[in-house]
Amino acid sequence: MQKQAEAPRRRMNYDLKIASEDSSQKMFNVLMCDTEIPIHRHTDTSETVVICRSTIKKELYDAQRHKTAEFILRAGGDCPAVQVPKG
């Protein structure tokens, strides 16, 4: 937790790929409670978000940046994960 606490963006990514040819996004993200992920789009890969500890709010947006969905993801709760398709 020390590295992400000291990072300017208050988060740290740990790459889980085992081969450089792997073009998927396989990573473990550790987020401090006061970090925010800016609106972004994965055009080539899907994204799976699984909460291991605590709770987050995951918001989805369309191409015009209008919110289309919102999920509360809670570790050990009814909704601990969400799959976001590419694009």
PDB file of N, CA and C in Angstrom:
ATOM      1  N   MET A   1       0.807  -1.192   0.000  1.00  0.00           N
ATOM      2  CA  MET A   1       0.000   0.000   0.000  1.00  0.00           C
ATOM      3  C   MET A   1       0.858   1.268   0.000  1.00  0.00           C
ATOM      4  N   GLN A   2       2.101   1.154   0.349  1.00  0.00           N
ATOM      5  CA  GLN A   2       2.960   2.332   0.448  1.00  0.00           C
ATOM      6  C   GLN A   2       3.176   2.992  -0.912  1.00  0.00           C
ATOM      7  N   LYS A   3       3.419   2.190  -1.978  1.00  0.00           N
ATOM      8  CA  LYS A   3       3.684   2.759  -3.295  1.00  0.00           C
ATOM      9  C   LYS A   3       2.500   3.556  -3.820  1.00  0.00           C
ATOM     10  N   GLN A   4       1.286   2.991  -3.746  1.00  0.00           N
ATOM     11  CA  GLN A   4       0.122   3.704  -4.253  1.00  0.00           C
ATOM     12  C   GLN A   4      -0.225   4.912  -3.395  1.00  0.00           C
ATOM     13  N   ALA A   5       0.033   4.853  -2.106  1.00  0.00           N
ATOM     14  CA  ALA A   5      -0.234   5.987  -1.225  1.00  0.00           C
ATOM     15  C   ALA A   5       0.670   7.168  -1.562  1.00  0.00           C
ATOM     16  N   GLU A   6       1.879   6.889  -2.030  1.00  0.00           N
ATOM     17  CA  GLU A   6       2.829   7.947  -2.367  1.00  0.00           C
ATOM     18  C   GLU A   6       2.733   8.388  -3.829  1.00  0.00           C
ATOM     19  N   ALA A   7       2.038   7.620  -4.664  1.00  0.00           N
ATOM     20  CA  ALA A   7       1.932   7.950  -6.091  1.00  0.00           C
ATOM     21  C   ALA A   7       1.051   9.187  -6.281  1.00  0.00           C
ATOM     22  N   PRO A   8       1.402  10.071  -7.225  1.00  0.00           N
ATOM     23  CA  PRO A   8       0.609  11.287  -7.451  1.00  0.00           C
ATOM     24  C   PRO A   8      -0.855  10.998  -7.798  1.00  0.00           C
ATOM     25  N   ARG A   9      -1.113   9.920  -8.543  1.00  0.00           N
ATOM     26  CA  ARG A   9      -2.492   9.587  -8.916  1.00  0.00           C
ATOM     27  C   ARG A   9      -3.185   8.726  -7.869  1.00  0.00           C
ATOM     28  N   ARG A  10      -2.476   8.378  -6.795  1.00  0.00           N
ATOM     29  CA  ARG A  10      -3.018   7.602  -5.679  1.00  0.00           C
ATOM     30  C   ARG A  10      -3.491   6.216  -6.104  1.00  0.00           C
ATOM     31  N   ARG A  11      -2.777   5.629  -7.065  1.00  0.00           N
ATOM     32  CA  ARG A  11      -3.068   4.268  -7.503  1.00  0.00           C
ATOM     33  C   ARG A  11      -1.807   3.667  -8.111  1.00  0.00           C
ATOM     34  N   MET A  12      -1.791   2.337  -8.216  1.00  0.00           N
ATOM     35  CA  MET A  12      -0.641   1.631  -8.766  1.00  0.00           C
ATOM     36  C   MET A  12      -1.153   0.440  -9.562  1.00  0.00           C
ATOM     37  N   ASN A  13      -0.593   0.243 -10.766  1.00  0.00           N
ATOM     38  CA  ASN A  13      -0.953  -0.883 -11.621  1.00  0.00           C
ATOM     39  C   ASN A  13       0.132  -1.941 -11.543  1.00  0.00           C
ATOM     40  N   TYR A  14      -0.293  -3.198 -11.501  1.00  0.00           N
ATOM     41  CA  TYR A  14       0.623  -4.325 -11.508  1.00  0.00           C
ATOM     42  C   TYR A  14       0.264  -5.207 -12.702  1.00  0.00           C
ATOM     43  N   ASP A  15       1.148  -5.288 -13.685  1.00  0.00           N
ATOM     44  CA  ASP A  15       0.906  -6.030 -14.920  1.00  0.00           C
ATOM     45  C   ASP A  15       0.898  -7.528 -14.638  1.00  0.00           C
ATOM     46  N   LEU A  16      -0.123  -8.235 -15.152  1.00  0.00           N
ATOM     47  CA  LEU A  16      -0.263  -9.677 -14.933  1.00  0.00           C
ATOM     48  C   LEU A  16       0.011 -10.492 -16.191  1.00  0.00           C
ATOM     49  N   LYS A  17       0.386  -9.843 -17.286  1.00  0.00           N
ATOM     50  CA  LYS A  17       0.664 -10.580 -18.525  1.00  0.00           C
ATOM     51  C   LYS A  17       1.935 -11.400 -18.373  1.00  0.00           C
ATOM     52  N   ILE A  18       1.937 -12.581 -18.988  1.00  0.00           N
ATOM     53  CA  ILE A  18       3.109 -13.442 -18.885  1.00  0.00           C
ATOM     54  C   ILE A  18       3.921 -13.483 -20.183  1.00  0.00           C
ATOM     55  N   ALA A  19       3.397 -12.850 -21.251  1.00  0.00           N
ATOM     56  CA  ALA A  19       4.121 -12.820 -22.521  1.00  0.00           C
ATOM     57  C   ALA A  19       3.960 -11.450 -23.167  1.00  0.00           C
ATOM     58  N   SER A  20       5.006 -10.941 -23.775  1.00  0.00           N
ATOM     59  CA  SER A  20       4.950  -9.625 -24.398  1.00  0.00           C
ATOM     60  C   SER A  20       4.002  -9.597 -25.595  1.00  0.00           C
ATOM     61  N   GLU A  21       3.712 -10.768 -26.180  1.00  0.00           N
ATOM     62  CA  GLU A  21       2.784 -10.844 -27.319  1.00  0.00           C
ATOM     63  C   GLU A  21       1.325 -10.697 -26.886  1.00  0.00           C
ATOM     64  N   ASP A  22       1.054 -10.816 -25.624  1.00  0.00           N
ATOM     65  CA  ASP A  22      -0.303 -10.724 -25.099  1.00  0.00           C
ATOM     66  C   ASP A  22      -0.768  -9.272 -25.185  1.00  0.00           C
ATOM     67  N   SER A  23      -1.782  -9.017 -26.012  1.00  0.00           N
ATOM     68  CA  SER A  23      -2.257  -7.643 -26.192  1.00  0.00           C
ATOM     69  C   SER A  23      -3.436  -7.307 -25.275  1.00  0.00           C
ATOM     70  N   SER A  24      -3.837  -8.240 -24.428  1.00  0.00           N
ATOM     71  CA  SER A  24      -4.947  -7.968 -23.516  1.00  0.00           C
ATOM     72  C   SER A  24      -4.482  -7.057 -22.378  1.00  0.00           C
ATOM     73  N   GLN A  25      -5.450  -6.521 -21.673  1.00  0.00           N
ATOM     74  CA  GLN A  25      -5.129  -5.722 -20.496  1.00  0.00           C
ATOM     75  C   GLN A  25      -5.378  -6.590 -19.272  1.00  0.00           C
ATOM     76  N   LYS A  26      -4.320  -7.156 -18.764  1.00  0.00           N
ATOM     77  CA  LYS A  26      -4.410  -7.972 -17.557  1.00  0.00           C
ATOM     78  C   LYS A  26      -3.576  -7.280 -16.495  1.00  0.00           C
ATOM     79  N   MET A  27      -4.258  -6.646 -15.581  1.00  0.00           N
ATOM     80  CA  MET A  27      -3.529  -5.953 -14.530  1.00  0.00           C
ATOM     81  C   MET A  27      -4.348  -5.918 -13.256  1.00  0.00           C
ATOM     82  N   PHE A  28      -3.650  -5.759 -12.200  1.00  0.00           N
ATOM     83  CA  PHE A  28      -4.246  -5.596 -10.891  1.00  0.00           C
ATOM     84  C   PHE A  28      -4.030  -4.140 -10.520  1.00  0.00           C
ATOM     85  N   ASN A  29      -5.098  -3.406 -10.266  1.00  0.00           N
ATOM     86  CA  ASN A  29      -5.000  -1.996  -9.886  1.00  0.00           C
ATOM     87  C   ASN A  29      -5.282  -1.854  -8.407  1.00  0.00           C
ATOM     88  N   VAL A  30      -4.411  -1.190  -7.709  1.00  0.00           N
ATOM     89  CA  VAL A  30      -4.633  -0.877  -6.304  1.00  0.00           C
ATOM     90  C   VAL A  30      -4.934   0.614  -6.246  1.00  0.00           C
ATOM     91  N   LEU A  31      -6.139   0.954  -5.768  1.00  0.00           N
ATOM     92  CA  LEU A  31      -6.588   2.339  -5.726  1.00  0.00           C
ATOM     93  C   LEU A  31      -6.743   2.793  -4.281  1.00  0.00           C
ATOM     94  N   MET A  32      -6.205   3.927  -3.961  1.00  0.00           N
ATOM     95  CA  MET A  32      -6.451   4.521  -2.653  1.00  0.00           C
ATOM     96  C   MET A  32      -7.862   5.104  -2.659  1.00  0.00           C
ATOM     97  N   CYS A  33      -8.464   5.279  -1.506  1.00  0.00           N
ATOM     98  CA  CYS A  33      -9.876   5.678  -1.435  1.00  0.00           C
ATOM     99  C   CYS A  33     -10.141   7.064  -2.012  1.00  0.00           C
ATOM    100  N   ASP A  34      -9.141   7.898  -2.150  1.00  0.00           N
ATOM    101  CA  ASP A  34      -9.363   9.250  -2.666  1.00  0.00           C
ATOM    102  C   ASP A  34      -8.940   9.416  -4.132  1.00  0.00           C
ATOM    103  N   THR A  35      -8.735   8.318  -4.852  1.00  0.00           N
ATOM    104  CA  THR A  35      -8.349   8.423  -6.259  1.00  0.00           C
ATOM    105  C   THR A  35      -9.589   8.421  -7.145  1.00  0.00           C
ATOM    106  N   GLU A  36      -9.456   9.028  -8.320  1.00  0.00           N
ATOM    107  CA  GLU A  36     -10.505   9.000  -9.326  1.00  0.00           C
ATOM    108  C   GLU A  36      -9.884   8.588 -10.652  1.00  0.00           C
ATOM    109  N   ILE A  37     -10.596   7.750 -11.388  1.00  0.00           N
ATOM    110  CA  ILE A  37     -10.158   7.344 -12.721  1.00  0.00           C
ATOM    111  C   ILE A  37     -10.920   8.217 -13.718  1.00  0.00           C
ATOM    112  N   PRO A  38     -10.230   8.963 -14.573  1.00  0.00           N
ATOM    113  CA  PRO A  38     -10.936   9.813 -15.525  1.00  0.00           C
ATOM    114  C   PRO A  38     -11.716   8.987 -16.553  1.00  0.00           C
ATOM    115  N   ILE A  39     -12.719   9.599 -17.165  1.00  0.00           N
ATOM    116  CA  ILE A  39     -13.484   8.941 -18.217  1.00  0.00           C
ATOM    117  C   ILE A  39     -12.516   8.534 -19.316  1.00  0.00           C
ATOM    118  N   HIS A  40     -12.599   7.279 -19.721  1.00  0.00           N
ATOM    119  CA  HIS A  40     -11.723   6.772 -20.783  1.00  0.00           C
ATOM    120  C   HIS A  40     -12.427   5.634 -21.497  1.00  0.00           C
ATOM    121  N   ARG A  41     -11.884   5.241 -22.628  1.00  0.00           N
ATOM    122  CA  ARG A  41     -12.502   4.204 -23.456  1.00  0.00           C
ATOM    123  C   ARG A  41     -11.439   3.193 -23.865  1.00  0.00           C
ATOM    124  N   HIS A  42     -11.786   1.921 -23.777  1.00  0.00           N
ATOM    125  CA  HIS A  42     -10.927   0.845 -24.267  1.00  0.00           C
ATOM    126  C   HIS A  42     -11.486   0.408 -25.619  1.00  0.00           C
ATOM    127  N   THR A  43     -10.849   0.827 -26.702  1.00  0.00           N
ATOM    128  CA  THR A  43     -11.379   0.535 -28.037  1.00  0.00           C
ATOM    129  C   THR A  43     -11.036  -0.867 -28.528  1.00  0.00           C
ATOM    130  N   ASP A  44      -9.994  -1.477 -27.990  1.00  0.00           N
ATOM    131  CA  ASP A  44      -9.536  -2.775 -28.490  1.00  0.00           C
ATOM    132  C   ASP A  44      -9.735  -3.931 -27.525  1.00  0.00           C
ATOM    133  N   THR A  45     -10.001  -3.645 -26.270  1.00  0.00           N
ATOM    134  CA  THR A  45     -10.138  -4.705 -25.277  1.00  0.00           C
ATOM    135  C   THR A  45     -11.314  -4.418 -24.349  1.00  0.00           C
ATOM    136  N   SER A  46     -11.849  -5.469 -23.779  1.00  0.00           N
ATOM    137  CA  SER A  46     -12.877  -5.297 -22.754  1.00  0.00           C
ATOM    138  C   SER A  46     -12.185  -5.034 -21.412  1.00  0.00           C
ATOM    139  N   GLU A  47     -12.990  -4.743 -20.409  1.00  0.00           N
ATOM    140  CA  GLU A  47     -12.444  -4.481 -19.080  1.00  0.00           C
ATOM    141  C   GLU A  47     -13.300  -5.214 -18.062  1.00  0.00           C
ATOM    142  N   THR A  48     -12.655  -5.947 -17.193  1.00  0.00           N
ATOM    143  CA  THR A  48     -13.350  -6.605 -16.089  1.00  0.00           C
ATOM    144  C   THR A  48     -12.893  -5.944 -14.803  1.00  0.00           C
ATOM    145  N   VAL A  49     -13.840  -5.476 -14.020  1.00  0.00           N
ATOM    146  CA  VAL A  49     -13.529  -4.831 -12.748  1.00  0.00           C
ATOM    147  C   VAL A  49     -14.056  -5.732 -11.641  1.00  0.00           C
ATOM    148  N   VAL A  50     -13.162  -6.151 -10.749  1.00  0.00           N
ATOM    149  CA  VAL A  50     -13.524  -6.996  -9.612  1.00  0.00           C
ATOM    150  C   VAL A  50     -13.010  -6.304  -8.357  1.00  0.00           C
ATOM    151  N   ILE A  51     -13.880  -6.140  -7.403  1.00  0.00           N
ATOM    152  CA  ILE A  51     -13.505  -5.474  -6.164  1.00  0.00           C
ATOM    153  C   ILE A  51     -13.092  -6.526  -5.136  1.00  0.00           C
ATOM    154  N   CYS A  52     -11.882  -6.388  -4.620  1.00  0.00           N
ATOM    155  CA  CYS A  52     -11.366  -7.330  -3.626  1.00  0.00           C
ATOM    156  C   CYS A  52     -11.544  -6.811  -2.202  1.00  0.00           C
ATOM    157  N   ARG A  53     -11.639  -5.487  -2.080  1.00  0.00           N
ATOM    158  CA  ARG A  53     -11.746  -4.875  -0.756  1.00  0.00           C
ATOM    159  C   ARG A  53     -12.454  -3.529  -0.902  1.00  0.00           C
ATOM    160  N   SER A  54     -13.365  -3.236  -0.044  1.00  0.00           N
ATOM    161  CA  SER A  54     -14.053  -1.956   0.005  1.00  0.00           C
ATOM    162  C   SER A  54     -15.168  -1.858  -1.038  1.00  0.00           C
ATOM    163  N   THR A  55     -15.446  -0.656  -1.511  1.00  0.00           N
ATOM    164  CA  THR A  55     -16.564  -0.368  -2.415  1.00  0.00           C
ATOM    165  C   THR A  55     -16.152   0.721  -3.385  1.00  0.00           C
ATOM    166  N   ILE A  56     -16.617   0.605  -4.653  1.00  0.00           N
ATOM    167  CA  ILE A  56     -16.405   1.686  -5.615  1.00  0.00           C
ATOM    168  C   ILE A  56     -17.689   1.903  -6.416  1.00  0.00           C
ATOM    169  N   LYS A  57     -17.760   3.069  -7.036  1.00  0.00           N
ATOM    170  CA  LYS A  57     -18.842   3.354  -7.973  1.00  0.00           C
ATOM    171  C   LYS A  57     -18.233   3.356  -9.372  1.00  0.00           C
ATOM    172  N   LYS A  58     -18.775   2.522 -10.254  1.00  0.00           N
ATOM    173  CA  LYS A  58     -18.316   2.416 -11.640  1.00  0.00           C
ATOM    174  C   LYS A  58     -19.388   3.063 -12.514  1.00  0.00           C
ATOM    175  N   GLU A  59     -19.007   4.074 -13.288  1.00  0.00           N
ATOM    176  CA  GLU A  59     -19.928   4.761 -14.178  1.00  0.00           C
ATOM    177  C   GLU A  59     -19.522   4.501 -15.622  1.00  0.00           C
ATOM    178  N   LEU A  60     -20.518   4.286 -16.483  1.00  0.00           N
ATOM    179  CA  LEU A  60     -20.272   4.081 -17.905  1.00  0.00           C
ATOM    180  C   LEU A  60     -20.844   5.256 -18.683  1.00  0.00           C
ATOM    181  N   TYR A  61     -20.139   5.645 -19.759  1.00  0.00           N
ATOM    182  CA  TYR A  61     -20.510   6.811 -20.553  1.00  0.00           C
ATOM    183  C   TYR A  61     -20.552   6.447 -22.028  1.00  0.00           C
ATOM    184  N   ASP A  62     -21.368   7.175 -22.799  1.00  0.00           N
ATOM    185  CA  ASP A  62     -21.390   6.983 -24.242  1.00  0.00           C
ATOM    186  C   ASP A  62     -20.337   7.882 -24.896  1.00  0.00           C
ATOM    187  N   ALA A  63     -20.273   7.858 -26.228  1.00  0.00           N
ATOM    188  CA  ALA A  63     -19.254   8.623 -26.955  1.00  0.00           C
ATOM    189  C   ALA A  63     -19.390  10.130 -26.742  1.00  0.00           C
ATOM    190  N   GLN A  64     -20.574  10.603 -26.377  1.00  0.00           N
ATOM    191  CA  GLN A  64     -20.786  12.032 -26.114  1.00  0.00           C
ATOM    192  C   GLN A  64     -20.577  12.382 -24.632  1.00  0.00           C
ATOM    193  N   ARG A  65     -20.057  11.426 -23.871  1.00  0.00           N
ATOM    194  CA  ARG A  65     -19.739  11.602 -22.460  1.00  0.00           C
ATOM    195  C   ARG A  65     -20.980  11.780 -21.585  1.00  0.00           C
ATOM    196  N   HIS A  66     -22.100  11.164 -22.009  1.00  0.00           N
ATOM    197  CA  HIS A  66     -23.312  11.125 -21.191  1.00  0.00           C
ATOM    198  C   HIS A  66     -23.321   9.821 -20.405  1.00  0.00           C
ATOM    199  N   LYS A  67     -23.586   9.914 -19.119  1.00  0.00           N
ATOM    200  CA  LYS A  67     -23.603   8.707 -18.291  1.00  0.00           C
ATOM    201  C   LYS A  67     -24.748   7.805 -18.724  1.00  0.00           C
ATOM    202  N   THR A  68     -24.436   6.517 -18.966  1.00  0.00           N
ATOM    203  CA  THR A  68     -25.432   5.549 -19.408  1.00  0.00           C
ATOM    204  C   THR A  68     -25.733   4.487 -18.350  1.00  0.00           C
ATOM    205  N   ALA A  69     -24.844   4.318 -17.405  1.00  0.00           N
ATOM    206  CA  ALA A  69     -25.059   3.306 -16.358  1.00  0.00           C
ATOM    207  C   ALA A  69     -24.175   3.612 -15.162  1.00  0.00           C
ATOM    208  N   GLU A  70     -24.585   3.098 -14.032  1.00  0.00           N
ATOM    209  CA  GLU A  70     -23.819   3.268 -12.796  1.00  0.00           C
ATOM    210  C   GLU A  70     -23.965   1.998 -11.969  1.00  0.00           C
ATOM    211  N   PHE A  71     -22.858   1.521 -11.435  1.00  0.00           N
ATOM    212  CA  PHE A  71     -22.844   0.310 -10.614  1.00  0.00           C
ATOM    213  C   PHE A  71     -22.111   0.604  -9.316  1.00  0.00           C
ATOM    214  N   ILE A  72     -22.633   0.112  -8.218  1.00  0.00           N
ATOM    215  CA  ILE A  72     -21.909   0.144  -6.951  1.00  0.00           C
ATOM    216  C   ILE A  72     -21.334  -1.258  -6.770  1.00  0.00           C
ATOM    217  N   LEU A  73     -20.025  -1.346  -6.811  1.00  0.00           N
ATOM    218  CA  LEU A  73     -19.332  -2.625  -6.670  1.00  0.00           C
ATOM    219  C   LEU A  73     -18.815  -2.736  -5.245  1.00  0.00           C
ATOM    220  N   ARG A  74     -19.178  -3.830  -4.572  1.00  0.00           N
ATOM    221  CA  ARG A  74     -18.819  -4.006  -3.172  1.00  0.00           C
ATOM    222  C   ARG A  74     -18.200  -5.381  -2.976  1.00  0.00           C
ATOM    223  N   ALA A  75     -17.006  -5.419  -2.413  1.00  0.00           N
ATOM    224  CA  ALA A  75     -16.352  -6.695  -2.125  1.00  0.00           C
ATOM    225  C   ALA A  75     -17.239  -7.525  -1.210  1.00  0.00           C
ATOM    226  N   GLY A  76     -17.507  -8.765  -1.624  1.00  0.00           N
ATOM    227  CA  GLY A  76     -18.333  -9.653  -0.833  1.00  0.00           C
ATOM    228  C   GLY A  76     -19.823  -9.362  -0.918  1.00  0.00           C
ATOM    229  N   GLY A  77     -20.203  -8.377  -1.739  1.00  0.00           N
ATOM    230  CA  GLY A  77     -21.610  -8.008  -1.855  1.00  0.00           C
ATOM    231  C   GLY A  77     -22.296  -8.677  -3.028  1.00  0.00           C
ATOM    232  N   ASP A  78     -23.497  -8.208  -3.333  1.00  0.00           N
ATOM    233  CA  ASP A  78     -24.273  -8.762  -4.442  1.00  0.00           C
ATOM    234  C   ASP A  78     -23.651  -8.458  -5.800  1.00  0.00           C
ATOM    235  N   CYS A  79     -22.890  -7.375  -5.898  1.00  0.00           N
ATOM    236  CA  CYS A  79     -22.286  -6.971  -7.174  1.00  0.00           C
ATOM    237  C   CYS A  79     -20.803  -6.662  -6.956  1.00  0.00           C
ATOM    238  N   PRO A  80     -19.949  -7.698  -6.874  1.00  0.00           N
ATOM    239  CA  PRO A  80     -18.518  -7.447  -6.659  1.00  0.00           C
ATOM    240  C   PRO A  80     -17.736  -7.236  -7.948  1.00  0.00           C
ATOM    241  N   ALA A  81     -18.410  -7.389  -9.128  1.00  0.00           N
ATOM    242  CA  ALA A  81     -17.676  -7.305 -10.397  1.00  0.00           C
ATOM    243  C   ALA A  81     -18.602  -6.832 -11.504  1.00  0.00           C
ATOM    244  N   VAL A  82     -17.992  -6.278 -12.564  1.00  0.00           N
ATOM    245  CA  VAL A  82     -18.723  -5.883 -13.766  1.00  0.00           C
ATOM    246  C   VAL A  82     -17.801  -6.080 -14.967  1.00  0.00           C
ATOM    247  N   GLN A  83     -18.386  -6.525 -16.083  1.00  0.00           N
ATOM    248  CA  GLN A  83     -17.657  -6.699 -17.347  1.00  0.00           C
ATOM    249  C   GLN A  83     -18.069  -5.556 -18.271  1.00  0.00           C
ATOM    250  N   VAL A  84     -17.094  -4.781 -18.725  1.00  0.00           N
ATOM    251  CA  VAL A  84     -17.347  -3.676 -19.647  1.00  0.00           C
ATOM    252  C   VAL A  84     -16.826  -4.092 -21.023  1.00  0.00           C
ATOM    253  N   PRO A  85     -17.711  -4.178 -22.032  1.00  0.00           N
ATOM    254  CA  PRO A  85     -17.250  -4.592 -23.358  1.00  0.00           C
ATOM    255  C   PRO A  85     -16.344  -3.542 -23.997  1.00  0.00           C
ATOM    256  N   LYS A  86     -15.503  -3.971 -24.929  1.00  0.00           N
ATOM    257  CA  LYS A  86     -14.620  -3.017 -25.598  1.00  0.00           C
ATOM    258  C   LYS A  86     -15.439  -1.949 -26.312  1.00  0.00           C
ATOM    259  N   GLY A  87     -14.840  -0.790 -26.438  1.00  0.00           N
ATOM    260  CA  GLY A  87     -15.526   0.319 -27.092  1.00  0.00           C
ATOM    261  C   GLY A  87     -16.311   1.146 -26.114  1.00  0.00           C
TER     262      GLY A  87
END
